[in-house]
Protein backbone atom coordinates (compact mmCIF):
# COMPACT_ATOMS: atom_id res chain seq x y z
CA UNK A 1 59.68 27.72 -8.20
CA UNK A 2 56.07 29.02 -8.88
CA UNK A 3 56.63 28.38 -12.54
CA UNK A 4 57.78 24.83 -11.81
CA UNK A 5 54.77 24.22 -9.54
CA UNK A 6 52.42 25.49 -12.27
CA UNK A 7 54.02 23.24 -14.79
CA UNK A 8 53.60 20.28 -12.46
CA UNK A 9 49.87 21.13 -12.02
CA UNK A 10 49.43 21.34 -15.79
CA UNK A 11 51.03 17.94 -16.32
CA UNK A 12 48.91 16.48 -13.60
CA UNK A 13 45.78 17.88 -14.96
CA UNK A 14 46.42 16.56 -18.52
CA UNK A 15 47.15 13.12 -17.03
CA UNK A 16 43.92 13.27 -15.00
CA UNK A 17 41.95 14.29 -18.10
CA UNK A 18 43.34 11.31 -20.01
CA UNK A 19 42.51 8.94 -17.16
CA UNK A 20 38.92 10.25 -16.91
CA UNK A 21 38.46 9.38 -20.58
CA UNK A 22 39.87 5.96 -19.98
CA UNK A 23 37.58 5.44 -16.95
CA UNK A 24 34.53 6.60 -18.88
CA UNK A 25 35.16 4.49 -21.99
CA UNK A 26 36.96 1.29 -20.95
CA UNK A 27 36.59 -1.67 -18.53
CA UNK A 28 37.80 -1.47 -14.97
CA UNK A 29 40.76 -3.79 -15.65
CA UNK A 30 42.25 -1.32 -18.14
CA UNK A 31 41.62 1.62 -15.77
CA UNK A 32 43.45 -0.27 -12.94
CA UNK A 33 46.26 -1.15 -15.35
CA UNK A 34 46.86 2.40 -16.72
CA UNK A 35 46.68 4.11 -13.28
CA UNK A 36 48.89 1.37 -11.75
CA UNK A 37 51.58 2.10 -14.44
CA UNK A 38 51.35 5.79 -13.79
CA UNK A 39 51.63 5.18 -10.00
CA UNK A 40 54.86 3.25 -10.58
CA UNK A 41 56.22 6.02 -12.73
CA UNK A 42 55.26 8.62 -10.20
CA UNK A 43 57.05 6.63 -7.54
CA UNK A 44 60.26 6.81 -9.55
CA UNK A 45 59.87 10.54 -10.44
CA UNK A 46 58.65 11.69 -7.06
CA UNK A 47 60.72 9.51 -4.86
CA UNK A 48 60.25 11.94 -1.93
CA UNK A 49 56.57 11.04 -1.74
CA UNK A 50 57.48 7.37 -1.55
CA UNK A 51 59.71 8.33 1.28
CA UNK A 52 56.86 10.01 3.07
CA UNK A 53 54.93 6.68 2.92
CA UNK A 54 57.82 4.75 4.33
CA UNK A 55 58.49 7.30 7.04
CA UNK A 56 54.94 7.49 8.14
CA UNK A 57 54.70 3.70 8.39
CA UNK A 58 57.91 3.56 10.35
CA UNK A 59 56.48 6.07 12.88
CA UNK A 60 53.19 4.24 13.19
CA UNK A 61 54.67 0.75 13.34
CA UNK A 62 58.07 1.09 15.00
CA UNK A 63 58.02 -2.65 15.85
CA UNK A 64 58.10 -3.63 12.15
CA UNK A 65 61.24 -4.59 10.38
CA UNK A 66 62.48 -2.39 7.53
CA UNK A 67 61.62 -5.11 5.12
CA UNK A 68 58.04 -5.32 6.29
CA UNK A 69 57.71 -1.52 6.15
CA UNK A 70 59.03 -1.42 2.60
CA UNK A 71 56.70 -4.16 1.49
CA UNK A 72 53.68 -2.43 3.03
CA UNK A 73 54.76 0.88 1.44
CA UNK A 74 54.72 -0.89 -1.97
CA UNK A 75 51.22 -2.19 -1.30
CA UNK A 76 50.08 1.23 -0.18
CA UNK A 77 51.01 2.76 -3.49
CA UNK A 78 49.31 -0.09 -5.41
CA UNK A 79 46.14 0.26 -3.36
CA UNK A 80 46.17 4.07 -3.74
CA UNK A 81 46.26 3.64 -7.51
CA UNK A 82 43.23 1.43 -7.30
CA UNK A 83 41.40 3.82 -5.05
CA UNK A 84 41.93 6.59 -7.60
CA UNK A 85 40.74 4.24 -10.35
CA UNK A 86 37.58 3.47 -8.46
CA UNK A 87 36.86 7.09 -7.77
CA UNK A 88 37.25 7.77 -11.52
CA UNK A 89 35.52 4.62 -12.85
CA UNK A 90 32.35 4.02 -10.80
CA UNK A 91 30.68 7.52 -11.02
CA UNK A 92 30.08 6.55 -14.68
CA UNK A 93 28.44 3.30 -13.64
CA UNK A 94 26.19 3.75 -10.69
CA UNK A 95 24.38 0.38 -10.99
CA UNK A 96 27.68 -1.49 -11.10
CA UNK A 97 28.87 0.50 -8.08
CA UNK A 98 25.86 -0.51 -6.12
CA UNK A 99 26.44 -4.20 -6.91
CA UNK A 100 30.11 -3.92 -5.87
CA UNK A 101 29.39 -2.47 -2.41
CA UNK A 102 28.48 -4.43 0.71
CA UNK A 103 27.08 -2.55 3.71
CA UNK A 104 27.78 -3.68 7.30
CA UNK A 105 25.62 -2.35 10.14
CA UNK A 106 23.39 -0.33 7.88
CA UNK A 107 20.77 -0.38 10.69
CA UNK A 108 23.06 2.10 12.56
CA UNK A 109 22.63 4.69 9.81
CA UNK A 110 18.99 3.84 9.28
CA UNK A 111 18.14 4.28 12.97
CA UNK A 112 19.97 7.60 13.12
CA UNK A 113 18.08 8.90 10.05
CA UNK A 114 14.65 7.61 11.19
CA UNK A 115 14.15 10.58 13.48
CA UNK A 116 14.42 12.95 10.55
CA UNK A 117 17.12 14.99 12.21
CA UNK A 118 19.90 13.92 9.83
CA UNK A 119 23.25 12.40 10.68
CA UNK A 120 26.98 13.16 10.61
CA UNK A 121 29.48 10.58 9.40
CA UNK A 122 33.03 10.96 10.59
CA UNK A 123 35.57 9.16 8.38
CA UNK A 124 39.21 9.17 7.34
CA UNK A 125 41.22 8.78 4.17
CA UNK A 126 41.05 5.01 4.24
CA UNK A 127 39.91 2.82 1.35
CA UNK A 128 37.53 4.39 -1.11
CA UNK A 129 36.38 7.00 1.39
CA UNK A 130 34.21 9.16 -0.87
CA UNK A 131 31.66 6.34 -1.01
CA UNK A 132 30.94 6.14 2.77
CA UNK A 133 27.64 7.87 2.33
CA UNK A 134 26.32 5.86 -0.49
CA UNK A 135 23.62 3.99 1.45
CA UNK A 136 22.06 7.35 2.41
CA UNK A 137 22.17 8.46 -1.25
CA UNK A 138 20.52 5.26 -2.32
CA UNK A 139 17.80 5.95 0.19
CA UNK A 140 17.15 9.31 -1.48
CA UNK A 141 18.76 11.48 1.24
CA UNK A 142 20.75 14.64 0.49
CA UNK A 143 24.44 13.95 1.22
CA UNK A 144 27.42 16.30 1.28
CA UNK A 145 31.12 15.80 2.02
CA UNK A 146 33.17 18.53 3.68
CA UNK A 147 36.78 18.46 2.57
CA UNK A 148 39.64 20.72 1.56
CA UNK A 149 39.69 21.81 -2.07
CA UNK A 150 42.67 20.88 -4.26
CA UNK A 151 45.10 23.73 -4.97
CA UNK A 152 44.45 23.37 -8.73
CA UNK A 153 40.98 24.88 -9.45
CA UNK A 154 40.60 22.56 -12.46
CA UNK A 155 40.93 19.55 -10.24
CA UNK A 156 38.54 21.06 -7.72
CA UNK A 157 35.93 21.56 -10.49
CA UNK A 158 36.42 18.02 -11.64
CA UNK A 159 35.86 16.66 -8.07
CA UNK A 160 32.62 18.63 -7.84
CA UNK A 161 31.47 17.13 -11.15
CA UNK A 162 32.55 13.57 -10.20
CA UNK A 163 30.78 13.74 -6.86
CA UNK A 164 27.58 15.02 -8.59
CA UNK A 165 27.61 11.91 -10.79
CA UNK A 166 26.77 9.85 -7.65
CA UNK A 167 24.49 12.57 -6.17
CA UNK A 168 27.13 13.63 -3.60
CA UNK A 169 27.83 17.34 -3.09
CA UNK A 170 31.40 18.45 -2.45
CA UNK A 171 31.55 21.19 0.13
CA UNK A 172 34.91 23.03 0.12
CA UNK A 173 36.31 23.73 3.57
CA UNK A 174 39.56 25.64 2.71
CA UNK A 175 38.34 29.14 2.08
CA UNK A 176 35.97 29.45 5.08
CA UNK A 177 35.27 26.95 7.83
CA UNK A 178 32.20 28.99 8.77
CA UNK A 179 30.78 28.57 5.23
CA UNK A 180 31.44 24.83 5.43
CA UNK A 181 29.74 24.63 8.76
CA UNK A 182 26.67 26.47 7.47
CA UNK A 183 26.51 24.04 4.49
CA UNK A 184 26.73 21.09 6.84
CA UNK A 185 23.88 22.41 8.90
CA UNK A 186 21.71 22.72 5.77
CA UNK A 187 22.10 18.96 5.12
CA UNK A 188 21.16 18.15 8.67
CA UNK A 189 18.10 20.40 8.62
CA UNK A 190 16.89 18.56 5.56
CA UNK A 191 17.24 15.14 7.28
CA UNK A 192 20.36 14.33 5.25
CA UNK A 193 23.88 13.32 5.94
CA UNK A 194 27.02 15.37 6.05
CA UNK A 195 30.45 13.58 5.89
CA UNK A 196 33.57 14.97 7.55
CA UNK A 197 37.14 13.72 6.94
CA UNK A 198 38.97 14.37 10.12
CA UNK A 199 42.36 12.70 9.83
CA UNK A 200 44.51 15.05 7.76
CA UNK A 201 46.63 17.90 9.25
CA UNK A 202 44.05 20.57 10.18
CA UNK A 203 46.48 23.54 10.12
CA UNK A 204 48.23 25.48 12.79
CA UNK A 205 46.03 26.33 15.80
CA UNK A 206 43.15 24.29 14.56
CA UNK A 207 41.68 21.05 15.91
CA UNK A 208 42.42 18.99 18.97
CA UNK A 209 45.54 16.99 19.83
CA UNK A 210 44.95 13.38 20.71
CA UNK A 211 46.76 10.05 20.39
CA UNK A 212 46.53 8.68 16.88
CA UNK A 213 48.48 5.64 15.70
CA UNK A 214 50.51 5.91 18.89
CA UNK A 215 51.57 9.55 18.33
CA UNK A 216 50.32 12.92 19.51
CA UNK A 217 48.35 14.22 16.55
CA UNK A 218 46.19 17.28 15.88
CA UNK A 219 42.92 16.39 14.26
CA UNK A 220 40.00 18.27 12.83
CA UNK A 221 37.04 18.40 15.25
CA UNK A 222 34.40 20.47 13.41
CA UNK A 223 31.98 17.52 13.30
CA UNK A 224 32.11 17.15 17.03
CA UNK A 225 31.17 20.86 17.48
CA UNK A 226 28.18 20.40 15.17
CA UNK A 227 27.01 17.23 16.83
CA UNK A 228 27.28 18.91 20.26
CA UNK A 229 25.35 21.94 19.01
CA UNK A 230 22.55 20.03 17.21
CA UNK A 231 22.30 16.73 19.02
CA UNK A 232 22.54 14.94 15.68
CA UNK A 233 24.05 11.43 15.75
CA UNK A 234 27.78 11.36 14.98
CA UNK A 235 28.58 7.95 13.34
CA UNK A 236 32.07 6.64 12.61
CA UNK A 237 32.13 5.06 9.16
CA UNK A 238 34.59 3.88 6.56
CA UNK A 239 34.93 2.02 3.25
CA UNK A 240 37.59 -0.68 2.89
CA UNK A 241 38.46 -3.25 0.29
CA UNK A 242 37.60 -6.90 0.78
CA UNK A 243 40.48 -9.34 0.17
CA UNK A 244 41.05 -9.82 -3.56
CA UNK A 245 39.02 -6.65 -4.33
CA UNK A 246 35.82 -8.73 -4.20
CA UNK A 247 33.82 -5.86 -2.80
CA UNK A 248 34.01 -2.52 -1.21
CA UNK A 249 32.75 -2.83 2.37
CA UNK A 250 30.89 0.20 3.76
CA UNK A 251 31.01 -0.16 7.55
CA UNK A 252 29.43 1.90 10.39
CA UNK A 253 29.91 1.91 14.11
CA UNK A 254 27.46 3.01 16.79
CA UNK A 255 27.15 6.80 17.24
CA UNK A 256 29.31 8.58 19.73
CA UNK A 257 27.63 10.17 22.78
CA UNK A 258 28.48 13.85 22.17
CA UNK A 259 27.45 16.04 25.15
CA UNK A 260 26.81 19.79 24.82
CA UNK A 261 29.99 20.44 26.77
CA UNK A 262 31.98 19.15 23.78
CA UNK A 263 31.16 22.40 21.95
CA UNK A 264 34.05 23.95 23.92
CA UNK A 265 37.47 22.72 22.74
CA UNK A 266 38.94 23.18 26.22
CA UNK A 267 36.61 20.75 27.93
CA UNK A 268 37.51 17.07 28.70
CA UNK A 269 34.31 16.08 26.88
CA UNK A 270 35.56 17.57 23.60
CA UNK A 271 38.88 15.73 23.95
CA UNK A 272 37.20 12.47 24.91
CA UNK A 273 35.04 12.55 21.76
CA UNK A 274 38.02 13.37 19.56
CA UNK A 275 40.02 10.51 21.12
CA UNK A 276 37.20 8.04 20.56
CA UNK A 277 37.26 8.86 16.84
CA UNK A 278 41.06 8.68 16.70
CA UNK A 279 41.09 5.37 18.49
CA UNK A 280 38.40 3.93 16.20
CA UNK A 281 40.27 5.02 13.03
CA UNK A 282 43.56 3.73 14.46
CA UNK A 283 41.95 0.27 14.79
CA UNK A 284 40.65 0.39 11.21
CA UNK A 285 44.09 1.38 9.83
CA UNK A 286 45.87 -1.28 11.86
CA UNK A 287 43.42 -3.84 10.42
CA UNK A 288 43.98 -2.56 6.86
CA UNK A 289 47.46 -0.94 6.92
CA UNK A 290 47.81 -0.71 3.17
CA UNK A 291 44.55 1.22 2.69
CA UNK A 292 45.21 4.49 4.53
CA UNK A 293 46.66 7.55 2.70
CA UNK A 294 50.16 7.30 4.15
CA UNK A 295 51.26 9.58 1.31
CA UNK A 296 50.16 12.62 3.30
CA UNK A 297 52.82 14.41 5.48
CA UNK A 298 50.77 13.69 8.60
CA UNK A 299 53.25 14.35 11.41
CA UNK A 300 55.06 17.68 10.86
């Protein structure tokens, strides 16, 4: 089994290397086309992952018919392929990326940063999520994203490099949460922005359980602790696709009120803050059901 897993990682890495070259040297239409074809092939080869998408949708939308769920699952895979294409394509073309993005409620982020204390953006794996901090980057602020590293170190190194192309620093959170927290605090102290993705499974004994998409769900709450400790604004934000892929829409919501008591996981205040974020993300996913990463085994 380890040998098979290693072989799978090698195949995946060589495919990724090919796609990076395509993204660097060719128009977006070709990048979309090639990654779309690979996504279809992957759907046939790794049918279990397609089943994960269908199963997650069925749990989140029990009122849907099987036909609607299957149709949405197909759109999820197509949208996911385009998200990967955009993550590969645009870091080589920053000016084009800036023209492609539309920002809603930018004054929320601007007001938060005006004090010089920095800001935290809480987001999920919806749309082209790595780009949620772009307005701060364009304003010359230091911006980092805290996320789990891929298991394949080569892919991890590539993500660091790809983020650097848009002046975004990738901060790995797998090896040490304490190290990730210290890195986050460095951005805040410099008046910058740190981004946390809070919607994937946090691991056993980690995070807070709240209602998410109608189900009890453990979610990562590190950004709430940092906001409670520092008093820095905690802003929900996401990036979704406009109809017809006309634009990427970067959208912010007013900061959460995070009291000092939320530093303790056992307090009602901590759970209330986590529930507010879960409720906000649920609404975004229900508004854009084909744009969340249903491919993840979210409920275990």
